Amino acid sequence: MRYDQYEYLLYSNIVLHEYKAIYFFIPKVACTSLKKAMGQILGIEKCIPPSSHGSSRQTLASGRKLNEPNYHFYHYPFVTDATRFDDYFKFCFVRNPWDRLVSCYFDKVKSDFPGFRKYGFSSKMSFRDFAIAVGHIEDTEADSHFRSQHKIIRAAGNFSMNFVGRFENLELDFAQLCELIGVGGVSLERLKKSPRPKNTYTEHYTQELAVIVGNRYRGDIEMFSYGFGD
């Protein structure tokens, strides 16, 4: 992926000038679904091109079809310095850190995501080994899919949010957001669900591992008031 093509990814935001609002997106927090919704609000959703991965396979490891639109790689409008837009309504959606890491493992590690190879991750490693390894990777070096959420929303110099929605209450919180910024008629589809087992995230943790991951994401846990088993 080339960041010079999709520079908005560097600043982790999509700006909705008409509504004086900015969406600070966090990977592994319904990001695909929310980006599609932002495309609808901006009136560009139908212009987003289909995916092109140079593969003859009909289905990618993520489960997404080759001809489906890629809502991550598009030229969304963004701001490089959010502090210059203090009068804009700033919002994001967050997720329980323990659950987010499990989703990241099944979506990226088990599918052998190329961007993870530099960390020595492979599809054969266990979730325990992955979680312990992540615990030793600083946010400055971490891929955005397992970087601390509070660090991501500060990528463009922003330090406050007007609205923080939760993945655990996604549909209701999204509806509330639309009402707050004055948007109507926008649907939220659940796209790109991680190919994970149908069990709760807590089943992937021992007590020791839960403590390790909790220490790694202490900033998120304290800022967004999450607990293990929430």
C-alpha atoms as a PDB file:
ATOM      1  CA  MET A   1       0.000   0.000   0.000  1.00  0.00           C
ATOM      2  CA  ARG A   2       1.257   3.484  -0.870  1.00  0.00           C
ATOM      3  CA  TYR A   3       0.485   6.193   1.646  1.00  0.00           C
ATOM      4  CA  ASP A   4       1.110   8.887  -0.966  1.00  0.00           C
ATOM      5  CA  GLN A   5      -1.973   7.558  -2.758  1.00  0.00           C
ATOM      6  CA  TYR A   6      -4.165   7.400   0.345  1.00  0.00           C
ATOM      7  CA  GLU A   7      -2.659  10.090   2.521  1.00  0.00           C
ATOM      8  CA  TYR A   8      -5.729  10.323   4.724  1.00  0.00           C
ATOM      9  CA  LEU A   9      -4.574   7.052   6.325  1.00  0.00           C
ATOM     10  CA  LEU A  10      -1.602   8.888   7.836  1.00  0.00           C
ATOM     11  CA  TYR A  11      -3.896  11.264   9.712  1.00  0.00           C
ATOM     12  CA  SER A  12      -6.629   8.732  10.521  1.00  0.00           C
ATOM     13  CA  ASN A  13      -9.544  10.993   9.748  1.00  0.00           C
ATOM     14  CA  ILE A  14     -12.254  11.721   7.211  1.00  0.00           C
ATOM     15  CA  VAL A  15     -13.655  15.237   7.175  1.00  0.00           C
ATOM     16  CA  LEU A  16     -17.300  16.048   6.456  1.00  0.00           C
ATOM     17  CA  HIS A  17     -17.116  19.776   5.744  1.00  0.00           C
ATOM     18  CA  GLU A  18     -20.809  20.125   4.947  1.00  0.00           C
ATOM     19  CA  TYR A  19     -21.647  18.942   8.460  1.00  0.00           C
ATOM     20  CA  LYS A  20     -18.585  20.489  10.124  1.00  0.00           C
ATOM     21  CA  ALA A  21     -17.596  17.080  11.451  1.00  0.00           C
ATOM     22  CA  ILE A  22     -14.541  14.827  11.431  1.00  0.00           C
ATOM     23  CA  TYR A  23     -14.544  11.039  11.767  1.00  0.00           C
ATOM     24  CA  PHE A  24     -11.375   9.675  13.380  1.00  0.00           C
ATOM     25  CA  PHE A  25     -11.277   6.061  12.269  1.00  0.00           C
ATOM     26  CA  ILE A  26      -9.689   3.205  14.183  1.00  0.00           C
ATOM     27  CA  PRO A  27      -8.881  -0.098  12.428  1.00  0.00           C
ATOM     28  CA  LYS A  28     -10.689  -3.163  13.803  1.00  0.00           C
ATOM     29  CA  VAL A  29     -13.589  -1.031  15.034  1.00  0.00           C
ATOM     30  CA  ALA A  30     -16.153  -1.562  12.243  1.00  0.00           C
ATOM     31  CA  CYS A  31     -13.865   0.612  10.147  1.00  0.00           C
ATOM     32  CA  THR A  32     -15.013  -0.740   6.777  1.00  0.00           C
ATOM     33  CA  SER A  33     -18.689  -0.303   7.627  1.00  0.00           C
ATOM     34  CA  LEU A  34     -18.174   3.219   8.925  1.00  0.00           C
ATOM     35  CA  LYS A  35     -16.037   4.267   5.960  1.00  0.00           C
ATOM     36  CA  LYS A  36     -18.758   3.097   3.595  1.00  0.00           C
ATOM     37  CA  ALA A  37     -21.247   5.180   5.581  1.00  0.00           C
ATOM     38  CA  MET A  38     -18.938   8.205   5.326  1.00  0.00           C
ATOM     39  CA  GLY A  39     -18.809   7.616   1.585  1.00  0.00           C
ATOM     40  CA  GLN A  40     -22.594   7.762   1.495  1.00  0.00           C
ATOM     41  CA  ILE A  41     -22.641  10.999   3.482  1.00  0.00           C
ATOM     42  CA  LEU A  42     -20.028  12.543   1.185  1.00  0.00           C
ATOM     43  CA  GLY A  43     -21.836  11.367  -1.924  1.00  0.00           C
ATOM     44  CA  ILE A  44     -18.808   9.444  -3.177  1.00  0.00           C
ATOM     45  CA  GLU A  45     -19.745   5.898  -2.178  1.00  0.00           C
ATOM     46  CA  LYS A  46     -20.697   4.923  -5.739  1.00  0.00           C
ATOM     47  CA  CYS A  47     -17.375   6.231  -7.024  1.00  0.00           C
ATOM     48  CA  ILE A  48     -15.243   3.926  -4.871  1.00  0.00           C
ATOM     49  CA  PRO A  49     -13.495   1.469  -7.215  1.00  0.00           C
ATOM     50  CA  PRO A  50     -13.502  -2.308  -6.838  1.00  0.00           C
ATOM     51  CA  SER A  51     -10.542  -4.029  -5.265  1.00  0.00           C
ATOM     52  CA  SER A  52      -7.601  -5.006  -7.479  1.00  0.00           C
ATOM     53  CA  HIS A  53      -5.115  -7.383  -5.906  1.00  0.00           C
ATOM     54  CA  GLY A  54      -3.616  -8.969  -8.992  1.00  0.00           C
ATOM     55  CA  SER A  55      -4.941 -12.362  -7.966  1.00  0.00           C
ATOM     56  CA  SER A  56      -6.897 -14.887  -9.954  1.00  0.00           C
ATOM     57  CA  ARG A  57      -8.669 -16.105  -6.816  1.00  0.00           C
ATOM     58  CA  GLN A  58     -12.295 -15.126  -6.539  1.00  0.00           C
ATOM     59  CA  THR A  59     -12.211 -14.652  -2.772  1.00  0.00           C
ATOM     60  CA  LEU A  60      -9.491 -13.070  -0.649  1.00  0.00           C
ATOM     61  CA  ALA A  61      -8.243 -14.529   2.621  1.00  0.00           C
ATOM     62  CA  SER A  62     -10.361 -11.948   4.438  1.00  0.00           C
ATOM     63  CA  GLY A  63     -13.475 -13.397   2.822  1.00  0.00           C
ATOM     64  CA  ARG A  64     -14.068 -10.327   0.643  1.00  0.00           C
ATOM     65  CA  LYS A  65     -14.784 -10.883  -3.050  1.00  0.00           C
ATOM     66  CA  LEU A  66     -12.293  -9.457  -5.538  1.00  0.00           C
ATOM     67  CA  ASN A  67     -14.886  -7.290  -7.245  1.00  0.00           C
ATOM     68  CA  GLU A  68     -16.184  -5.721  -4.034  1.00  0.00           C
ATOM     69  CA  PRO A  69     -15.386  -2.053  -3.389  1.00  0.00           C
ATOM     70  CA  ASN A  70     -12.434  -1.435  -1.099  1.00  0.00           C
ATOM     71  CA  TYR A  71     -13.667   1.248   1.269  1.00  0.00           C
ATOM     72  CA  HIS A  72     -10.257   1.636   2.886  1.00  0.00           C
ATOM     73  CA  PHE A  73      -8.347   2.684  -0.196  1.00  0.00           C
ATOM     74  CA  TYR A  74     -10.087   5.742  -1.503  1.00  0.00           C
ATOM     75  CA  HIS A  75      -9.309   9.452  -1.598  1.00  0.00           C
ATOM     76  CA  TYR A  76     -11.422  10.608   1.298  1.00  0.00           C
ATOM     77  CA  PRO A  77     -11.087  14.277   2.268  1.00  0.00           C
ATOM     78  CA  PHE A  78      -9.068  14.705   5.470  1.00  0.00           C
ATOM     79  CA  VAL A  79      -7.345  17.294   7.649  1.00  0.00           C
ATOM     80  CA  THR A  80      -3.679  17.247   8.573  1.00  0.00           C
ATOM     81  CA  ASP A  81      -4.054  19.329  11.728  1.00  0.00           C
ATOM     82  CA  ALA A  82      -7.303  18.873  13.608  1.00  0.00           C
ATOM     83  CA  THR A  83      -6.457  21.678  16.035  1.00  0.00           C
ATOM     84  CA  ARG A  84      -7.275  24.106  13.207  1.00  0.00           C
ATOM     85  CA  PHE A  85     -10.868  22.844  13.207  1.00  0.00           C
ATOM     86  CA  ASP A  86     -11.874  23.353  16.823  1.00  0.00           C
ATOM     87  CA  ASP A  87     -15.420  24.262  15.772  1.00  0.00           C
ATOM     88  CA  TYR A  88     -15.890  20.900  14.023  1.00  0.00           C
ATOM     89  CA  PHE A  89     -17.716  18.015  15.706  1.00  0.00           C
ATOM     90  CA  LYS A  90     -15.132  15.264  16.248  1.00  0.00           C
ATOM     91  CA  PHE A  91     -16.130  11.657  16.684  1.00  0.00           C
ATOM     92  CA  CYS A  92     -14.742   8.137  16.739  1.00  0.00           C
ATOM     93  CA  PHE A  93     -15.782   4.594  17.594  1.00  0.00           C
ATOM     94  CA  VAL A  94     -13.797   2.449  20.023  1.00  0.00           C
ATOM     95  CA  ARG A  95     -13.722  -1.216  21.012  1.00  0.00           C
ATOM     96  CA  ASN A  96     -12.804  -3.292  24.029  1.00  0.00           C
ATOM     97  CA  PRO A  97      -8.994  -3.714  23.640  1.00  0.00           C
ATOM     98  CA  TRP A  98      -8.984  -7.414  24.542  1.00  0.00           C
ATOM     99  CA  ASP A  99     -11.695  -8.107  21.954  1.00  0.00           C
ATOM    100  CA  ARG A 100     -10.034  -5.896  19.333  1.00  0.00           C
ATOM    101  CA  LEU A 101      -6.782  -7.844  19.629  1.00  0.00           C
ATOM    102  CA  VAL A 102      -8.589 -11.171  19.129  1.00  0.00           C
ATOM    103  CA  SER A 103     -10.266  -9.748  16.021  1.00  0.00           C
ATOM    104  CA  CYS A 104      -6.905  -8.520  14.746  1.00  0.00           C
ATOM    105  CA  TYR A 105      -5.379 -11.962  15.224  1.00  0.00           C
ATOM    106  CA  PHE A 106      -8.002 -13.846  13.245  1.00  0.00           C
ATOM    107  CA  ASP A 107      -8.334 -11.193  10.540  1.00  0.00           C
ATOM    108  CA  LYS A 108      -4.673 -10.361   9.965  1.00  0.00           C
ATOM    109  CA  VAL A 109      -2.376 -12.941  11.527  1.00  0.00           C
ATOM    110  CA  LYS A 110      -4.279 -16.061  10.505  1.00  0.00           C
ATOM    111  CA  SER A 111      -4.632 -14.721   6.955  1.00  0.00           C
ATOM    112  CA  ASP A 112      -0.887 -13.973   6.801  1.00  0.00           C
ATOM    113  CA  PHE A 113      -1.425 -10.248   6.220  1.00  0.00           C
ATOM    114  CA  PRO A 114       1.716  -8.928   4.406  1.00  0.00           C
ATOM    115  CA  GLY A 115       2.020  -5.856   6.614  1.00  0.00           C
ATOM    116  CA  PHE A 116       2.513  -8.064   9.677  1.00  0.00           C
ATOM    117  CA  ARG A 117       5.441 -10.073   8.354  1.00  0.00           C
ATOM    118  CA  LYS A 118       7.992  -7.456   9.425  1.00  0.00           C
ATOM    119  CA  TYR A 119       7.096  -8.227  13.048  1.00  0.00           C
ATOM    120  CA  GLY A 120       7.785 -11.916  12.541  1.00  0.00           C
ATOM    121  CA  PHE A 121       4.099 -12.826  12.727  1.00  0.00           C
ATOM    122  CA  SER A 122       2.890 -15.838  10.775  1.00  0.00           C
ATOM    123  CA  SER A 123      -0.385 -17.671  10.306  1.00  0.00           C
ATOM    124  CA  LYS A 124       1.005 -20.583  12.338  1.00  0.00           C
ATOM    125  CA  MET A 125       1.580 -18.639  15.553  1.00  0.00           C
ATOM    126  CA  SER A 126      -0.844 -18.990  18.438  1.00  0.00           C
ATOM    127  CA  PHE A 127      -2.939 -16.135  19.781  1.00  0.00           C
ATOM    128  CA  ARG A 128      -0.954 -16.282  23.018  1.00  0.00           C
ATOM    129  CA  ASP A 129       2.361 -15.808  21.184  1.00  0.00           C
ATOM    130  CA  PHE A 130       0.873 -12.991  19.118  1.00  0.00           C
ATOM    131  CA  ALA A 131      -0.537 -11.189  22.170  1.00  0.00           C
ATOM    132  CA  ILE A 132       2.730 -11.479  24.087  1.00  0.00           C
ATOM    133  CA  ALA A 133       4.673 -10.162  21.082  1.00  0.00           C
ATOM    134  CA  VAL A 134       2.300  -7.199  20.722  1.00  0.00           C
ATOM    135  CA  GLY A 135       2.920  -6.433  24.387  1.00  0.00           C
ATOM    136  CA  HIS A 136       6.550  -5.677  23.522  1.00  0.00           C
ATOM    137  CA  ILE A 137       5.872  -3.473  20.499  1.00  0.00           C
ATOM    138  CA  GLU A 138       5.646   0.256  21.208  1.00  0.00           C
ATOM    139  CA  ASP A 139       2.805   2.231  19.623  1.00  0.00           C
ATOM    140  CA  THR A 140       5.345   4.196  17.601  1.00  0.00           C
ATOM    141  CA  GLU A 141       6.287   0.944  15.846  1.00  0.00           C
ATOM    142  CA  ALA A 142       2.913  -0.797  15.909  1.00  0.00           C
ATOM    143  CA  ASP A 143       0.711  -1.382  12.892  1.00  0.00           C
ATOM    144  CA  SER A 144      -2.526   0.601  13.133  1.00  0.00           C
ATOM    145  CA  HIS A 145      -4.531  -2.619  13.527  1.00  0.00           C
ATOM    146  CA  PHE A 146      -3.046  -3.173  17.001  1.00  0.00           C
ATOM    147  CA  ARG A 147      -1.873   0.340  17.887  1.00  0.00           C
ATOM    148  CA  SER A 148      -3.525   1.870  20.958  1.00  0.00           C
ATOM    149  CA  GLN A 149      -6.798   3.500  20.021  1.00  0.00           C
ATOM    150  CA  HIS A 150      -6.178   6.726  21.923  1.00  0.00           C
ATOM    151  CA  LYS A 151      -2.904   7.165  20.034  1.00  0.00           C
ATOM    152  CA  ILE A 152      -4.627   6.728  16.670  1.00  0.00           C
ATOM    153  CA  ILE A 153      -7.166   9.480  17.244  1.00  0.00           C
ATOM    154  CA  ARG A 154      -4.317  11.853  18.081  1.00  0.00           C
ATOM    155  CA  ALA A 155      -2.563  11.300  14.765  1.00  0.00           C
ATOM    156  CA  ALA A 156      -3.665  14.706  13.454  1.00  0.00           C
ATOM    157  CA  GLY A 157      -2.939  16.570  16.675  1.00  0.00           C
ATOM    158  CA  ASN A 158      -6.423  16.035  18.070  1.00  0.00           C
ATOM    159  CA  PHE A 159      -6.824  15.506  21.808  1.00  0.00           C
ATOM    160  CA  SER A 160     -10.567  15.588  22.402  1.00  0.00           C
ATOM    161  CA  MET A 161     -13.704  13.989  21.032  1.00  0.00           C
ATOM    162  CA  ASN A 162     -17.248  15.348  21.018  1.00  0.00           C
ATOM    163  CA  PHE A 163     -18.671  11.860  20.621  1.00  0.00           C
ATOM    164  CA  VAL A 164     -17.199   8.408  21.300  1.00  0.00           C
ATOM    165  CA  GLY A 165     -19.310   5.551  19.987  1.00  0.00           C
ATOM    166  CA  ARG A 166     -18.746   1.965  20.989  1.00  0.00           C
ATOM    167  CA  PHE A 167     -18.402  -1.094  18.805  1.00  0.00           C
ATOM    168  CA  GLU A 168     -20.409  -2.989  21.398  1.00  0.00           C
ATOM    169  CA  ASN A 169     -23.366  -0.672  20.793  1.00  0.00           C
ATOM    170  CA  LEU A 170     -22.619   0.140  17.168  1.00  0.00           C
ATOM    171  CA  GLU A 171     -26.042   0.486  15.554  1.00  0.00           C
ATOM    172  CA  LEU A 172     -27.587   2.589  18.317  1.00  0.00           C
ATOM    173  CA  ASP A 173     -24.515   4.791  18.693  1.00  0.00           C
ATOM    174  CA  PHE A 174     -24.296   5.343  14.942  1.00  0.00           C
ATOM    175  CA  ALA A 175     -27.949   6.393  14.866  1.00  0.00           C
ATOM    176  CA  GLN A 176     -27.280   8.821  17.709  1.00  0.00           C
ATOM    177  CA  LEU A 177     -24.261  10.211  15.861  1.00  0.00           C
ATOM    178  CA  CYS A 178     -26.293  10.855  12.701  1.00  0.00           C
ATOM    179  CA  GLU A 179     -28.844  12.743  14.754  1.00  0.00           C
ATOM    180  CA  LEU A 180     -26.155  14.831  16.425  1.00  0.00           C
ATOM    181  CA  ILE A 181     -24.504  15.955  13.183  1.00  0.00           C
ATOM    182  CA  GLY A 182     -27.756  16.264  11.227  1.00  0.00           C
ATOM    183  CA  VAL A 183     -27.367  13.393   8.784  1.00  0.00           C
ATOM    184  CA  GLY A 184     -30.380  11.428   7.583  1.00  0.00           C
ATOM    185  CA  GLY A 185     -31.000   8.419   5.371  1.00  0.00           C
ATOM    186  CA  VAL A 186     -27.590   6.769   5.868  1.00  0.00           C
ATOM    187  CA  SER A 187     -27.446   3.025   6.435  1.00  0.00           C
ATOM    188  CA  LEU A 188     -24.773   1.170   8.357  1.00  0.00           C
ATOM    189  CA  GLU A 189     -23.972  -2.247   6.945  1.00  0.00           C
ATOM    190  CA  ARG A 190     -21.899  -4.749   8.874  1.00  0.00           C
ATOM    191  CA  LEU A 191     -19.041  -5.427   6.467  1.00  0.00           C
ATOM    192  CA  LYS A 192     -15.840  -7.455   6.641  1.00  0.00           C
ATOM    193  CA  LYS A 193     -16.482  -9.403   9.805  1.00  0.00           C
ATOM    194  CA  SER A 194     -13.373 -11.170  11.078  1.00  0.00           C
ATOM    195  CA  PRO A 195     -13.290 -14.911  10.286  1.00  0.00           C
ATOM    196  CA  ARG A 196     -13.098 -15.807  13.979  1.00  0.00           C
ATOM    197  CA  PRO A 197     -14.675 -18.665  15.946  1.00  0.00           C
ATOM    198  CA  LYS A 198     -18.161 -18.026  17.272  1.00  0.00           C
ATOM    199  CA  ASN A 199     -17.178 -17.666  20.903  1.00  0.00           C
ATOM    200  CA  THR A 200     -16.496 -14.801  23.263  1.00  0.00           C
ATOM    201  CA  TYR A 201     -13.112 -13.108  23.199  1.00  0.00           C
ATOM    202  CA  THR A 202     -12.521 -14.019  26.860  1.00  0.00           C
ATOM    203  CA  GLU A 203     -12.143 -17.679  25.898  1.00  0.00           C
ATOM    204  CA  HIS A 204      -8.869 -16.857  24.147  1.00  0.00           C
ATOM    205  CA  TYR A 205      -7.261 -15.567  27.332  1.00  0.00           C
ATOM    206  CA  THR A 206      -5.746 -17.014  30.439  1.00  0.00           C
ATOM    207  CA  GLN A 207      -5.697 -14.774  33.497  1.00  0.00           C
ATOM    208  CA  GLU A 208      -2.004 -14.114  32.914  1.00  0.00           C
ATOM    209  CA  LEU A 209      -2.518 -13.198  29.262  1.00  0.00           C
ATOM    210  CA  ALA A 210      -5.410 -10.883  30.099  1.00  0.00           C
ATOM    211  CA  VAL A 211      -3.113  -8.984  32.464  1.00  0.00           C
ATOM    212  CA  ILE A 212      -0.376  -8.709  29.823  1.00  0.00           C
ATOM    213  CA  VAL A 213      -2.776  -7.304  27.227  1.00  0.00           C
ATOM    214  CA  GLY A 214      -4.398  -5.075  29.835  1.00  0.00           C
ATOM    215  CA  ASN A 215      -1.029  -3.543  30.661  1.00  0.00           C
ATOM    216  CA  ARG A 216      -0.286  -3.043  26.963  1.00  0.00           C
ATOM    217  CA  TYR A 217      -3.540  -1.150  26.412  1.00  0.00           C
ATOM    218  CA  ARG A 218      -3.815   0.534  29.791  1.00  0.00           C
ATOM    219  CA  GLY A 219      -4.263   3.937  28.128  1.00  0.00           C
ATOM    220  CA  ASP A 220      -7.303   2.746  26.153  1.00  0.00           C
ATOM    221  CA  ILE A 221      -8.765   0.929  29.137  1.00  0.00           C
ATOM    222  CA  GLU A 222      -8.555   3.994  31.348  1.00  0.00           C
ATOM    223  CA  MET A 223      -9.646   6.545  28.734  1.00  0.00           C
ATOM    224  CA  PHE A 224     -12.632   4.564  27.437  1.00  0.00           C
ATOM    225  CA  SER A 225     -13.546   2.770  30.699  1.00  0.00           C
ATOM    226  CA  TYR A 226     -13.218  -0.817  29.475  1.00  0.00           C
ATOM    227  CA  GLY A 227     -12.746  -3.938  31.544  1.00  0.00           C
ATOM    228  CA  PHE A 228     -11.990  -7.551  30.772  1.00  0.00           C
ATOM    229  CA  GLY A 229     -15.257  -9.395  30.195  1.00  0.00           C
ATOM    230  CA  ASP A 230     -17.287  -6.250  29.439  1.00  0.00           C
END
